[in-house]
Amino acid sequence: MATRAAGHSAASTLAAQPIEGDWLTLKGDTARIAPCEGDKFCITLIDGQYAGKQIGVLKGMGGQYTGQVTKPQNGKTYEGS
């Protein structure tokens, strides 16, 4: 993930975990990180060639997250924190 996409209001950012929102990937696509599966956060591409594809799951809060992300171009999955 590279940078947060424009369009967030201050109120929505304050109410959410720091990681929630729309982010630009290195390829320029937009990935949405949103709550899912209980206490986890799912990463779903919302535009580009792989729009609609879930590419990752993270767990954590307050700036400390662990999880995995799959590169849709080749299916390789990377884990980290």
Protein backbone atom coordinates (compact mmCIF):
# COMPACT_ATOMS: atom_id res chain seq x y z
CA MET A 1 0.00 0.00 0.00
CA ALA A 2 1.29 3.42 -0.84
CA THR A 3 -0.90 6.32 0.25
CA ARG A 4 -4.37 7.09 1.48
CA ALA A 5 -6.76 8.22 -1.25
CA ALA A 6 -8.44 11.62 -0.97
CA GLY A 7 -12.06 12.01 0.06
CA HIS A 8 -12.21 11.21 3.77
CA SER A 9 -13.87 13.57 6.20
CA ALA A 10 -12.21 14.28 9.54
CA ALA A 11 -15.19 12.81 11.40
CA SER A 12 -15.08 9.45 9.60
CA THR A 13 -11.31 9.17 10.07
CA LEU A 14 -11.51 9.87 13.81
CA ALA A 15 -14.24 7.26 14.35
CA ALA A 16 -12.40 4.48 12.52
CA GLN A 17 -9.22 2.54 13.12
CA PRO A 18 -6.23 4.31 11.49
CA ILE A 19 -5.96 1.63 8.83
CA GLU A 20 -9.59 1.81 7.62
CA GLY A 21 -10.30 3.60 4.37
CA ASP A 22 -9.31 3.72 0.74
CA TRP A 23 -5.62 3.42 -0.12
CA LEU A 24 -3.73 3.68 -3.38
CA THR A 25 -1.63 0.66 -4.33
CA LEU A 26 1.76 0.98 -5.99
CA LYS A 27 0.01 0.13 -9.30
CA GLY A 28 -2.40 3.06 -8.79
CA ASP A 29 -5.50 0.98 -8.01
CA THR A 30 -7.64 1.70 -4.96
CA ALA A 31 -7.79 -0.85 -2.15
CA ARG A 32 -10.43 -0.52 0.56
CA ILE A 33 -9.61 -1.67 4.08
CA ALA A 34 -12.77 -2.25 6.10
CA PRO A 35 -13.89 -4.28 9.13
CA CYS A 36 -14.86 -7.89 8.40
CA GLU A 37 -14.93 -11.31 10.02
CA GLY A 38 -15.29 -10.11 13.61
CA ASP A 39 -12.14 -8.26 14.69
CA LYS A 40 -10.36 -8.43 11.33
CA PHE A 41 -9.95 -6.00 8.44
CA CYS A 42 -10.34 -7.14 4.83
CA ILE A 43 -8.48 -5.54 1.94
CA THR A 44 -10.52 -5.45 -1.26
CA LEU A 45 -9.57 -3.85 -4.56
CA ILE A 46 -12.34 -1.49 -5.66
CA ASP A 47 -11.05 -0.53 -9.10
CA GLY A 48 -8.60 -1.66 -11.74
CA GLN A 49 -8.17 -5.06 -13.37
CA TYR A 50 -8.89 -6.99 -10.15
CA ALA A 51 -11.80 -4.87 -8.85
CA GLY A 52 -13.91 -6.78 -6.31
CA LYS A 53 -11.12 -9.21 -5.39
CA GLN A 54 -10.25 -9.54 -1.71
CA ILE A 55 -6.47 -9.48 -1.51
CA GLY A 56 -5.78 -9.52 2.20
CA VAL A 57 -6.83 -9.82 5.82
CA LEU A 58 -5.32 -7.96 8.78
CA LYS A 59 -5.85 -8.14 12.53
CA GLY A 60 -4.93 -5.61 15.18
CA MET A 61 -5.65 -2.07 16.28
CA GLY A 62 -4.10 1.28 17.04
CA GLY A 63 -1.37 1.08 14.43
CA GLN A 64 -0.24 -2.49 15.24
CA TYR A 65 -1.48 -4.94 12.60
CA THR A 66 -0.53 -8.41 11.38
CA GLY A 67 -1.87 -10.36 8.46
CA GLN A 68 -1.40 -11.35 4.88
CA VAL A 69 -1.74 -9.77 1.46
CA THR A 70 -1.95 -11.63 -1.84
CA LYS A 71 -0.56 -10.10 -5.02
CA PRO A 72 -3.40 -10.62 -7.52
CA GLN A 73 -1.11 -10.67 -10.55
CA ASN A 74 0.63 -13.89 -9.50
CA GLY A 75 -1.27 -15.26 -6.47
CA LYS A 76 1.72 -15.02 -4.13
CA THR A 77 0.77 -14.34 -0.51
CA TYR A 78 2.95 -12.33 1.87
CA GLU A 79 2.65 -12.26 5.67
CA GLY A 80 3.85 -9.53 7.94
CA SER A 81 3.24 -7.08 10.74
